[in-house]
Amino acid sequence: MSRPITNVEAAIVERALQVALKSDVSANVIASVRYLQVTATCLCGCATVWFGPDGNASSGKIVADARATAGGEDIDVIVWSDQGAIVGLEFVGVGVVPLPDPSSVRGHDIA
């Protein structure tokens, strides 16, 4: 499975990197977000997508950890990186988590 990142997915990654960055990410990596290729989706059916060659972030690190609202519920939005590249956009909540509106992505310090 391979497809281009959607505009909404890219906007969520970019917003999370703006408001909830946990480690350095180069300007080149940020500029490459719109060109990422989705290589896998989460098996549970949620909106999580993976960009890495292995279809997950098993050896990656969290570069952004944000909150968002999806389906009326607060969820976690995690951007994963491995070897300097974005490899995942993970959504964590209760049940099957839909894609949040990018404008709802915020740091954990904002209610």
PDB file of N, CA and C in Angstrom:
ATOM      1  N   MET A   1       0.850  -1.171   0.000  1.00  0.00           N
ATOM      2  CA  MET A   1       0.000   0.000   0.000  1.00  0.00           C
ATOM      3  C   MET A   1       0.890   1.226   0.000  1.00  0.00           C
ATOM      4  N   SER A   2       0.665   2.110  -0.906  1.00  0.00           N
ATOM      5  CA  SER A   2       1.394   3.375  -0.928  1.00  0.00           C
ATOM      6  C   SER A   2       0.511   4.420  -1.585  1.00  0.00           C
ATOM      7  N   ARG A   3       0.440   5.574  -0.921  1.00  0.00           N
ATOM      8  CA  ARG A   3      -0.321   6.694  -1.462  1.00  0.00           C
ATOM      9  C   ARG A   3       0.291   7.982  -0.939  1.00  0.00           C
ATOM     10  N   PRO A   4       0.056   9.097  -1.607  1.00  0.00           N
ATOM     11  CA  PRO A   4       0.563  10.371  -1.099  1.00  0.00           C
ATOM     12  C   PRO A   4      -0.165  10.768   0.189  1.00  0.00           C
ATOM     13  N   ILE A   5       0.507  11.490   1.043  1.00  0.00           N
ATOM     14  CA  ILE A   5      -0.119  12.063   2.225  1.00  0.00           C
ATOM     15  C   ILE A   5      -1.239  12.998   1.762  1.00  0.00           C
ATOM     16  N   THR A   6      -2.355  13.022   2.489  1.00  0.00           N
ATOM     17  CA  THR A   6      -3.437  13.941   2.128  1.00  0.00           C
ATOM     18  C   THR A   6      -3.107  15.338   2.639  1.00  0.00           C
ATOM     19  N   ASN A   7      -3.808  16.333   2.118  1.00  0.00           N
ATOM     20  CA  ASN A   7      -3.604  17.706   2.582  1.00  0.00           C
ATOM     21  C   ASN A   7      -3.924  17.839   4.065  1.00  0.00           C
ATOM     22  N   VAL A   8      -4.969  17.156   4.528  1.00  0.00           N
ATOM     23  CA  VAL A   8      -5.345  17.233   5.947  1.00  0.00           C
ATOM     24  C   VAL A   8      -4.284  16.563   6.814  1.00  0.00           C
ATOM     25  N   GLU A   9      -3.819  15.384   6.435  1.00  0.00           N
ATOM     26  CA  GLU A   9      -2.758  14.712   7.199  1.00  0.00           C
ATOM     27  C   GLU A   9      -1.509  15.583   7.265  1.00  0.00           C
ATOM     28  N   ALA A  10      -1.127  16.181   6.144  1.00  0.00           N
ATOM     29  CA  ALA A  10       0.056  17.048   6.116  1.00  0.00           C
ATOM     30  C   ALA A  10      -0.135  18.255   7.023  1.00  0.00           C
ATOM     31  N   ALA A  11      -1.319  18.847   7.003  1.00  0.00           N
ATOM     32  CA  ALA A  11      -1.594  20.007   7.858  1.00  0.00           C
ATOM     33  C   ALA A  11      -1.516  19.628   9.334  1.00  0.00           C
ATOM     34  N   ILE A  12      -1.958  18.425   9.686  1.00  0.00           N
ATOM     35  CA  ILE A  12      -1.883  17.963  11.079  1.00  0.00           C
ATOM     36  C   ILE A  12      -0.429  17.774  11.494  1.00  0.00           C
ATOM     37  N   VAL A  13       0.380  17.141  10.648  1.00  0.00           N
ATOM     38  CA  VAL A  13       1.808  16.972  10.954  1.00  0.00           C
ATOM     39  C   VAL A  13       2.457  18.340  11.142  1.00  0.00           C
ATOM     40  N   GLU A  14       2.231  19.249  10.213  1.00  0.00           N
ATOM     41  CA  GLU A  14       2.850  20.579  10.288  1.00  0.00           C
ATOM     42  C   GLU A  14       2.413  21.325  11.541  1.00  0.00           C
ATOM     43  N   ARG A  15       1.126  21.270  11.866  1.00  0.00           N
ATOM     44  CA  ARG A  15       0.612  21.957  13.057  1.00  0.00           C
ATOM     45  C   ARG A  15       1.206  21.344  14.330  1.00  0.00           C
ATOM     46  N   ALA A  16       1.272  20.022  14.409  1.00  0.00           N
ATOM     47  CA  ALA A  16       1.859  19.372  15.586  1.00  0.00           C
ATOM     48  C   ALA A  16       3.319  19.774  15.751  1.00  0.00           C
ATOM     49  N   LEU A  17       4.055  19.854  14.653  1.00  0.00           N
ATOM     50  CA  LEU A  17       5.462  20.276  14.730  1.00  0.00           C
ATOM     51  C   LEU A  17       5.579  21.728  15.182  1.00  0.00           C
ATOM     52  N   GLN A  18       4.592  22.559  14.855  1.00  0.00           N
ATOM     53  CA  GLN A  18       4.601  23.965  15.270  1.00  0.00           C
ATOM     54  C   GLN A  18       4.313  24.135  16.755  1.00  0.00           C
ATOM     55  N   VAL A  19       3.351  23.378  17.275  1.00  0.00           N
ATOM     56  CA  VAL A  19       2.857  23.637  18.630  1.00  0.00           C
ATOM     57  C   VAL A  19       3.346  22.668  19.694  1.00  0.00           C
ATOM     58  N   ALA A  20       3.942  21.539  19.296  1.00  0.00           N
ATOM     59  CA  ALA A  20       4.269  20.514  20.294  1.00  0.00           C
ATOM     60  C   ALA A  20       5.576  19.791  19.993  1.00  0.00           C
ATOM     61  N   LEU A  21       6.541  20.508  19.476  1.00  0.00           N
ATOM     62  CA  LEU A  21       7.834  19.924  19.115  1.00  0.00           C
ATOM     63  C   LEU A  21       8.574  19.441  20.359  1.00  0.00           C
ATOM     64  N   LYS A  22       9.088  18.215  20.318  1.00  0.00           N
ATOM     65  CA  LYS A  22       9.825  17.625  21.440  1.00  0.00           C
ATOM     66  C   LYS A  22      11.321  17.524  21.180  1.00  0.00           C
ATOM     67  N   SER A  23      11.737  17.572  19.920  1.00  0.00           N
ATOM     68  CA  SER A  23      13.160  17.529  19.580  1.00  0.00           C
ATOM     69  C   SER A  23      13.357  18.255  18.258  1.00  0.00           C
ATOM     70  N   ASP A  24      14.605  18.536  17.943  1.00  0.00           N
ATOM     71  CA  ASP A  24      14.904  19.304  16.739  1.00  0.00           C
ATOM     72  C   ASP A  24      14.480  18.569  15.472  1.00  0.00           C
ATOM     73  N   VAL A  25      13.894  19.328  14.564  1.00  0.00           N
ATOM     74  CA  VAL A  25      13.533  18.839  13.238  1.00  0.00           C
ATOM     75  C   VAL A  25      14.031  19.880  12.250  1.00  0.00           C
ATOM     76  N   SER A  26      14.767  19.448  11.251  1.00  0.00           N
ATOM     77  CA  SER A  26      15.347  20.398  10.298  1.00  0.00           C
ATOM     78  C   SER A  26      14.270  21.034   9.422  1.00  0.00           C
ATOM     79  N   ALA A  27      14.593  22.200   8.898  1.00  0.00           N
ATOM     80  CA  ALA A  27      13.686  22.893   7.980  1.00  0.00           C
ATOM     81  C   ALA A  27      13.416  22.040   6.743  1.00  0.00           C
ATOM     82  N   ASN A  28      14.410  21.280   6.303  1.00  0.00           N
ATOM     83  CA  ASN A  28      14.226  20.400   5.139  1.00  0.00           C
ATOM     84  C   ASN A  28      13.200  19.309   5.416  1.00  0.00           C
ATOM     85  N   VAL A  29      13.225  18.764   6.630  1.00  0.00           N
ATOM     86  CA  VAL A  29      12.255  17.722   6.992  1.00  0.00           C
ATOM     87  C   VAL A  29      10.850  18.318   7.027  1.00  0.00           C
ATOM     88  N   ILE A  30      10.715  19.495   7.622  1.00  0.00           N
ATOM     89  CA  ILE A  30       9.406  20.151   7.669  1.00  0.00           C
ATOM     90  C   ILE A  30       8.910  20.442   6.254  1.00  0.00           C
ATOM     91  N   ALA A  31       9.800  20.906   5.390  1.00  0.00           N
ATOM     92  CA  ALA A  31       9.425  21.206   4.001  1.00  0.00           C
ATOM     93  C   ALA A  31       9.028  19.952   3.227  1.00  0.00           C
ATOM     94  N   SER A  32       9.492  18.789   3.670  1.00  0.00           N
ATOM     95  CA  SER A  32       9.204  17.542   2.948  1.00  0.00           C
ATOM     96  C   SER A  32       7.866  16.916   3.320  1.00  0.00           C
ATOM     97  N   VAL A  33       7.194  17.442   4.338  1.00  0.00           N
ATOM     98  CA  VAL A  33       5.963  16.823   4.839  1.00  0.00           C
ATOM     99  C   VAL A  33       4.936  16.632   3.724  1.00  0.00           C
ATOM    100  N   ARG A  34       4.743  17.611   2.887  1.00  0.00           N
ATOM    101  CA  ARG A  34       3.721  17.547   1.825  1.00  0.00           C
ATOM    102  C   ARG A  34       4.038  16.496   0.757  1.00  0.00           C
ATOM    103  N   TYR A  35       5.254  15.935   0.795  1.00  0.00           N
ATOM    104  CA  TYR A  35       5.675  14.946  -0.202  1.00  0.00           C
ATOM    105  C   TYR A  35       5.777  13.526   0.361  1.00  0.00           C
ATOM    106  N   LEU A  36       5.384  13.345   1.630  1.00  0.00           N
ATOM    107  CA  LEU A  36       5.464  12.024   2.245  1.00  0.00           C
ATOM    108  C   LEU A  36       4.540  11.032   1.542  1.00  0.00           C
ATOM    109  N   GLN A  37       4.948   9.771   1.569  1.00  0.00           N
ATOM    110  CA  GLN A  37       4.140   8.679   1.030  1.00  0.00           C
ATOM    111  C   GLN A  37       3.673   7.796   2.186  1.00  0.00           C
ATOM    112  N   VAL A  38       2.383   7.590   2.294  1.00  0.00           N
ATOM    113  CA  VAL A  38       1.834   6.686   3.301  1.00  0.00           C
ATOM    114  C   VAL A  38       2.143   5.261   2.857  1.00  0.00           C
ATOM    115  N   THR A  39       2.816   4.512   3.747  1.00  0.00           N
ATOM    116  CA  THR A  39       3.187   3.130   3.424  1.00  0.00           C
ATOM    117  C   THR A  39       2.341   2.108   4.172  1.00  0.00           C
ATOM    118  N   ALA A  40       1.621   2.565   5.206  1.00  0.00           N
ATOM    119  CA  ALA A  40       0.762   1.655   5.975  1.00  0.00           C
ATOM    120  C   ALA A  40      -0.227   2.469   6.792  1.00  0.00           C
ATOM    121  N   THR A  41      -1.332   1.835   7.132  1.00  0.00           N
ATOM    122  CA  THR A  41      -2.310   2.426   8.033  1.00  0.00           C
ATOM    123  C   THR A  41      -2.435   1.511   9.243  1.00  0.00           C
ATOM    124  N   CYS A  42      -3.031   2.029  10.297  1.00  0.00           N
ATOM    125  CA  CYS A  42      -3.169   1.244  11.524  1.00  0.00           C
ATOM    126  C   CYS A  42      -4.161   0.099  11.310  1.00  0.00           C
ATOM    127  N   LEU A  43      -3.838  -1.043  11.860  1.00  0.00           N
ATOM    128  CA  LEU A  43      -4.687  -2.222  11.714  1.00  0.00           C
ATOM    129  C   LEU A  43      -6.006  -2.103  12.468  1.00  0.00           C
ATOM    130  N   CYS A  44      -6.076  -1.198  13.465  1.00  0.00           N
ATOM    131  CA  CYS A  44      -7.305  -1.069  14.254  1.00  0.00           C
ATOM    132  C   CYS A  44      -8.379  -0.274  13.519  1.00  0.00           C
ATOM    133  N   GLY A  45      -8.005   0.401  12.433  1.00  0.00           N
ATOM    134  CA  GLY A  45      -8.985   1.173  11.680  1.00  0.00           C
ATOM    135  C   GLY A  45      -8.994   2.653  11.998  1.00  0.00           C
ATOM    136  N   CYS A  46      -8.129   3.092  12.921  1.00  0.00           N
ATOM    137  CA  CYS A  46      -8.057   4.516  13.237  1.00  0.00           C
ATOM    138  C   CYS A  46      -7.335   5.252  12.103  1.00  0.00           C
ATOM    139  N   ALA A  47      -7.193   6.557  12.246  1.00  0.00           N
ATOM    140  CA  ALA A  47      -6.612   7.390  11.189  1.00  0.00           C
ATOM    141  C   ALA A  47      -5.081   7.404  11.176  1.00  0.00           C
ATOM    142  N   THR A  48      -4.429   6.641  12.062  1.00  0.00           N
ATOM    143  CA  THR A  48      -2.964   6.593  12.105  1.00  0.00           C
ATOM    144  C   THR A  48      -2.401   6.140  10.762  1.00  0.00           C
ATOM    145  N   VAL A  49      -1.336   6.840  10.323  1.00  0.00           N
ATOM    146  CA  VAL A  49      -0.648   6.476   9.076  1.00  0.00           C
ATOM    147  C   VAL A  49       0.851   6.437   9.318  1.00  0.00           C
ATOM    148  N   TRP A  50       1.528   5.578   8.556  1.00  0.00           N
ATOM    149  CA  TRP A  50       2.975   5.420   8.668  1.00  0.00           C
ATOM    150  C   TRP A  50       3.622   5.746   7.327  1.00  0.00           C
ATOM    151  N   PHE A  51       4.762   6.395   7.385  1.00  0.00           N
ATOM    152  CA  PHE A  51       5.482   6.806   6.189  1.00  0.00           C
ATOM    153  C   PHE A  51       6.798   6.061   6.023  1.00  0.00           C
ATOM    154  N   GLY A  52       7.204   5.336   7.043  1.00  0.00           N
ATOM    155  CA  GLY A  52       8.492   4.656   7.012  1.00  0.00           C
ATOM    156  C   GLY A  52       8.478   3.436   6.116  1.00  0.00           C
ATOM    157  N   PRO A  53       9.652   2.983   5.728  1.00  0.00           N
ATOM    158  CA  PRO A  53       9.740   1.816   4.843  1.00  0.00           C
ATOM    159  C   PRO A  53       9.196   0.539   5.479  1.00  0.00           C
ATOM    160  N   ASP A  54       9.183   0.470   6.807  1.00  0.00           N
ATOM    161  CA  ASP A  54       8.682  -0.717   7.497  1.00  0.00           C
ATOM    162  C   ASP A  54       7.210  -0.597   7.875  1.00  0.00           C
ATOM    163  N   GLY A  55       6.588   0.540   7.557  1.00  0.00           N
ATOM    164  CA  GLY A  55       5.178   0.713   7.865  1.00  0.00           C
ATOM    165  C   GLY A  55       4.865   0.915   9.326  1.00  0.00           C
ATOM    166  N   ASN A  56       5.861   1.324  10.119  1.00  0.00           N
ATOM    167  CA  ASN A  56       5.612   1.644  11.520  1.00  0.00           C
ATOM    168  C   ASN A  56       6.761   2.491  12.050  1.00  0.00           C
ATOM    169  N   ALA A  57       6.704   2.801  13.322  1.00  0.00           N
ATOM    170  CA  ALA A  57       7.759   3.609  13.937  1.00  0.00           C
ATOM    171  C   ALA A  57       8.423   2.834  15.061  1.00  0.00           C
ATOM    172  N   SER A  58       8.567   1.533  14.895  1.00  0.00           N
ATOM    173  CA  SER A  58       9.071   0.683  15.971  1.00  0.00           C
ATOM    174  C   SER A  58      10.448   1.094  16.462  1.00  0.00           C
ATOM    175  N   SER A  59      11.251   1.693  15.616  1.00  0.00           N
ATOM    176  CA  SER A  59      12.576   2.127  16.065  1.00  0.00           C
ATOM    177  C   SER A  59      12.698   3.645  16.078  1.00  0.00           C
ATOM    178  N   GLY A  60      11.587   4.342  15.927  1.00  0.00           N
ATOM    179  CA  GLY A  60      11.616   5.799  15.857  1.00  0.00           C
ATOM    180  C   GLY A  60      11.535   6.470  17.211  1.00  0.00           C
ATOM    181  N   LYS A  61      11.460   7.804  17.159  1.00  0.00           N
ATOM    182  CA  LYS A  61      11.302   8.589  18.385  1.00  0.00           C
ATOM    183  C   LYS A  61      10.213   9.627  18.163  1.00  0.00           C
ATOM    184  N   ILE A  62       9.606  10.049  19.249  1.00  0.00           N
ATOM    185  CA  ILE A  62       8.546  11.051  19.188  1.00  0.00           C
ATOM    186  C   ILE A  62       9.187  12.422  18.999  1.00  0.00           C
ATOM    187  N   VAL A  63       8.785  13.131  17.926  1.00  0.00           N
ATOM    188  CA  VAL A  63       9.298  14.486  17.702  1.00  0.00           C
ATOM    189  C   VAL A  63       8.244  15.545  17.986  1.00  0.00           C
ATOM    190  N   ALA A  64       6.971  15.151  18.048  1.00  0.00           N
ATOM    191  CA  ALA A  64       5.900  16.067  18.439  1.00  0.00           C
ATOM    192  C   ALA A  64       4.823  15.258  19.147  1.00  0.00           C
ATOM    193  N   ASP A  65       4.309  15.825  20.240  1.00  0.00           N
ATOM    194  CA  ASP A  65       3.282  15.165  21.046  1.00  0.00           C
ATOM    195  C   ASP A  65       2.227  16.209  21.370  1.00  0.00           C
ATOM    196  N   ALA A  66       1.111  16.181  20.645  1.00  0.00           N
ATOM    197  CA  ALA A  66       0.090  17.214  20.751  1.00  0.00           C
ATOM    198  C   ALA A  66      -1.248  16.618  21.172  1.00  0.00           C
ATOM    199  N   ARG A  67      -2.234  17.491  21.329  1.00  0.00           N
ATOM    200  CA  ARG A  67      -3.624  17.108  21.574  1.00  0.00           C
ATOM    201  C   ARG A  67      -4.441  17.622  20.396  1.00  0.00           C
ATOM    202  N   ALA A  68      -5.606  17.048  20.196  1.00  0.00           N
ATOM    203  CA  ALA A  68      -6.536  17.516  19.170  1.00  0.00           C
ATOM    204  C   ALA A  68      -7.929  17.040  19.552  1.00  0.00           C
ATOM    205  N   THR A  69      -8.907  17.498  18.810  1.00  0.00           N
ATOM    206  CA  THR A  69     -10.276  17.058  19.016  1.00  0.00           C
ATOM    207  C   THR A  69     -10.737  16.318  17.767  1.00  0.00           C
ATOM    208  N   ALA A  70     -11.221  15.100  17.967  1.00  0.00           N
ATOM    209  CA  ALA A  70     -11.724  14.281  16.859  1.00  0.00           C
ATOM    210  C   ALA A  70     -13.009  13.606  17.307  1.00  0.00           C
ATOM    211  N   GLY A  71     -14.057  13.769  16.559  1.00  0.00           N
ATOM    212  CA  GLY A  71     -15.330  13.155  16.933  1.00  0.00           C
ATOM    213  C   GLY A  71     -15.833  13.646  18.275  1.00  0.00           C
ATOM    214  N   GLY A  72     -15.507  14.888  18.635  1.00  0.00           N
ATOM    215  CA  GLY A  72     -15.939  15.466  19.901  1.00  0.00           C
ATOM    216  C   GLY A  72     -15.115  15.057  21.104  1.00  0.00           C
ATOM    217  N   GLU A  73     -14.084  14.257  20.908  1.00  0.00           N
ATOM    218  CA  GLU A  73     -13.235  13.767  21.998  1.00  0.00           C
ATOM    219  C   GLU A  73     -11.815  14.291  21.854  1.00  0.00           C
ATOM    220  N   ASP A  74     -11.159  14.521  23.001  1.00  0.00           N
ATOM    221  CA  ASP A  74      -9.740  14.870  22.981  1.00  0.00           C
ATOM    222  C   ASP A  74      -8.918  13.617  22.701  1.00  0.00           C
ATOM    223  N   ILE A  75      -7.932  13.761  21.827  1.00  0.00           N
ATOM    224  CA  ILE A  75      -7.046  12.653  21.474  1.00  0.00           C
ATOM    225  C   ILE A  75      -5.604  13.138  21.510  1.00  0.00           C
ATOM    226  N   ASP A  76      -4.676  12.202  21.516  1.00  0.00           N
ATOM    227  CA  ASP A  76      -3.257  12.527  21.379  1.00  0.00           C
ATOM    228  C   ASP A  76      -2.876  12.415  19.911  1.00  0.00           C
ATOM    229  N   VAL A  77      -2.000  13.324  19.486  1.00  0.00           N
ATOM    230  CA  VAL A  77      -1.458  13.324  18.128  1.00  0.00           C
ATOM    231  C   VAL A  77       0.056  13.228  18.267  1.00  0.00           C
ATOM    232  N   ILE A  78       0.642  12.163  17.751  1.00  0.00           N
ATOM    233  CA  ILE A  78       2.080  11.930  17.895  1.00  0.00           C
ATOM    234  C   ILE A  78       2.713  11.857  16.515  1.00  0.00           C
ATOM    235  N   VAL A  79       3.781  12.643  16.328  1.00  0.00           N
ATOM    236  CA  VAL A  79       4.558  12.581  15.091  1.00  0.00           C
ATOM    237  C   VAL A  79       5.854  11.852  15.414  1.00  0.00           C
ATOM    238  N   TRP A  80       6.134  10.803  14.643  1.00  0.00           N
ATOM    239  CA  TRP A  80       7.313   9.964  14.842  1.00  0.00           C
ATOM    240  C   TRP A  80       8.378  10.284  13.807  1.00  0.00           C
ATOM    241  N   SER A  81       9.639  10.132  14.218  1.00  0.00           N
ATOM    242  CA  SER A  81      10.775  10.344  13.324  1.00  0.00           C
ATOM    243  C   SER A  81      11.761   9.196  13.499  1.00  0.00           C
ATOM    244  N   ASP A  82      12.487   8.897  12.435  1.00  0.00           N
ATOM    245  CA  ASP A  82      13.557   7.909  12.492  1.00  0.00           C
ATOM    246  C   ASP A  82      14.645   8.347  11.523  1.00  0.00           C
ATOM    247  N   GLN A  83      15.850   8.428  12.009  1.00  0.00           N
ATOM    248  CA  GLN A  83      17.008   8.822  11.211  1.00  0.00           C
ATOM    249  C   GLN A  83      16.765  10.135  10.471  1.00  0.00           C
ATOM    250  N   GLY A  84      16.139  11.091  11.164  1.00  0.00           N
ATOM    251  CA  GLY A  84      15.938  12.418  10.612  1.00  0.00           C
ATOM    252  C   GLY A  84      14.775  12.563   9.653  1.00  0.00           C
ATOM    253  N   ALA A  85      13.940  11.543   9.517  1.00  0.00           N
ATOM    254  CA  ALA A  85      12.791  11.614   8.610  1.00  0.00           C
ATOM    255  C   ALA A  85      11.498  11.367   9.389  1.00  0.00           C
ATOM    256  N   ILE A  86      10.422  12.014   8.975  1.00  0.00           N
ATOM    257  CA  ILE A  86       9.116  11.758   9.569  1.00  0.00           C
ATOM    258  C   ILE A  86       8.653  10.374   9.108  1.00  0.00           C
ATOM    259  N   VAL A  87       8.307   9.502  10.064  1.00  0.00           N
ATOM    260  CA  VAL A  87       7.898   8.140   9.709  1.00  0.00           C
ATOM    261  C   VAL A  87       6.493   7.773  10.182  1.00  0.00           C
ATOM    262  N   GLY A  88       5.848   8.655  10.956  1.00  0.00           N
ATOM    263  CA  GLY A  88       4.516   8.292  11.410  1.00  0.00           C
ATOM    264  C   GLY A  88       3.710   9.453  11.931  1.00  0.00           C
ATOM    265  N   LEU A  89       2.400   9.335  11.785  1.00  0.00           N
ATOM    266  CA  LEU A  89       1.423  10.254  12.359  1.00  0.00           C
ATOM    267  C   LEU A  89       0.412   9.369  13.078  1.00  0.00           C
ATOM    268  N   GLU A  90       0.493   9.377  14.410  1.00  0.00           N
ATOM    269  CA  GLU A  90      -0.311   8.458  15.222  1.00  0.00           C
ATOM    270  C   GLU A  90      -1.378   9.218  15.990  1.00  0.00           C
ATOM    271  N   PHE A  91      -2.577   8.639  16.033  1.00  0.00           N
ATOM    272  CA  PHE A  91      -3.691   9.207  16.782  1.00  0.00           C
ATOM    273  C   PHE A  91      -4.069   8.219  17.874  1.00  0.00           C
ATOM    274  N   VAL A  92      -4.119   8.695  19.129  1.00  0.00           N
ATOM    275  CA  VAL A  92      -4.389   7.826  20.268  1.00  0.00           C
ATOM    276  C   VAL A  92      -5.612   8.351  21.011  1.00  0.00           C
ATOM    277  N   GLY A  93      -6.606   7.516  21.133  1.00  0.00           N
ATOM    278  CA  GLY A  93      -7.820   7.863  21.849  1.00  0.00           C
ATOM    279  C   GLY A  93      -8.587   6.593  22.157  1.00  0.00           C
ATOM    280  N   VAL A  94      -9.845   6.744  22.491  1.00  0.00           N
ATOM    281  CA  VAL A  94     -10.689   5.600  22.818  1.00  0.00           C
ATOM    282  C   VAL A  94     -11.412   5.143  21.553  1.00  0.00           C
ATOM    283  N   GLY A  95     -11.312   3.875  21.249  1.00  0.00           N
ATOM    284  CA  GLY A  95     -11.978   3.330  20.075  1.00  0.00           C
ATOM    285  C   GLY A  95     -11.267   3.713  18.788  1.00  0.00           C
ATOM    286  N   VAL A  96     -12.001   3.647  17.695  1.00  0.00           N
ATOM    287  CA  VAL A  96     -11.455   3.999  16.387  1.00  0.00           C
ATOM    288  C   VAL A  96     -11.448   5.519  16.279  1.00  0.00           C
ATOM    289  N   VAL A  97     -10.256   6.093  16.257  1.00  0.00           N
ATOM    290  CA  VAL A  97     -10.096   7.544  16.289  1.00  0.00           C
ATOM    291  C   VAL A  97     -10.100   8.100  14.863  1.00  0.00           C
ATOM    292  N   PRO A  98     -11.046   9.018  14.567  1.00  0.00           N
ATOM    293  CA  PRO A  98     -11.061   9.623  13.238  1.00  0.00           C
ATOM    294  C   PRO A  98      -9.992  10.711  13.109  1.00  0.00           C
ATOM    295  N   LEU A  99      -9.813  11.184  11.902  1.00  0.00           N
ATOM    296  CA  LEU A  99      -8.869  12.260  11.625  1.00  0.00           C
ATOM    297  C   LEU A  99      -9.391  13.557  12.244  1.00  0.00           C
ATOM    298  N   PRO A 100      -8.586  14.243  13.061  1.00  0.00           N
ATOM    299  CA  PRO A 100      -9.045  15.498  13.652  1.00  0.00           C
ATOM    300  C   PRO A 100      -8.935  16.659  12.669  1.00  0.00           C
ATOM    301  N   ASP A 101      -9.618  17.734  12.968  1.00  0.00           N
ATOM    302  CA  ASP A 101      -9.463  18.976  12.211  1.00  0.00           C
ATOM    303  C   ASP A 101      -8.094  19.550  12.562  1.00  0.00           C
ATOM    304  N   PRO A 102      -7.275  19.910  11.578  1.00  0.00           N
ATOM    305  CA  PRO A 102      -5.940  20.445  11.882  1.00  0.00           C
ATOM    306  C   PRO A 102      -5.965  21.662  12.811  1.00  0.00           C
ATOM    307  N   SER A 103      -7.028  22.471  12.739  1.00  0.00           N
ATOM    308  CA  SER A 103      -7.090  23.665  13.591  1.00  0.00           C
ATOM    309  C   SER A 103      -7.269  23.320  15.061  1.00  0.00           C
ATOM    310  N   SER A 104      -7.652  22.072  15.371  1.00  0.00           N
ATOM    311  CA  SER A 104      -7.823  21.670  16.774  1.00  0.00           C
ATOM    312  C   SER A 104      -6.527  21.163  17.400  1.00  0.00           C
ATOM    313  N   VAL A 105      -5.472  20.990  16.608  1.00  0.00           N
ATOM    314  CA  VAL A 105      -4.193  20.479  17.118  1.00  0.00           C
ATOM    315  C   VAL A 105      -3.544  21.552  17.982  1.00  0.00           C
ATOM    316  N   ARG A 106      -3.160  21.174  19.214  1.00  0.00           N
ATOM    317  CA  ARG A 106      -2.619  22.130  20.183  1.00  0.00           C
ATOM    318  C   ARG A 106      -1.661  21.414  21.117  1.00  0.00           C
ATOM    319  N   GLY A 107      -0.893  22.197  21.860  1.00  0.00           N
ATOM    320  CA  GLY A 107      -0.017  21.628  22.869  1.00  0.00           C
ATOM    321  C   GLY A 107      -0.827  21.072  24.026  1.00  0.00           C
ATOM    322  N   HIS A 108      -0.210  20.219  24.826  1.00  0.00           N
ATOM    323  CA  HIS A 108      -0.899  19.631  25.981  1.00  0.00           C
ATOM    324  C   HIS A 108      -1.230  20.671  27.043  1.00  0.00           C
ATOM    325  N   ASP A 109      -0.556  21.813  27.016  1.00  0.00           N
ATOM    326  CA  ASP A 109      -0.783  22.841  28.027  1.00  0.00           C
ATOM    327  C   ASP A 109      -2.019  23.691  27.738  1.00  0.00           C
ATOM    328  N   ILE A 110      -2.667  23.473  26.599  1.00  0.00           N
ATOM    329  CA  ILE A 110      -3.863  24.235  26.237  1.00  0.00           C
ATOM    330  C   ILE A 110      -5.063  23.304  26.313  1.00  0.00           C
ATOM    331  N   ALA A 111      -6.062  23.704  27.091  1.00  0.00           N
ATOM    332  CA  ALA A 111      -7.257  22.856  27.301  1.00  0.00           C
ATOM    333  C   ALA A 111      -8.069  22.654  26.052  1.00  0.00           C
TER     334      ALA A 111
END
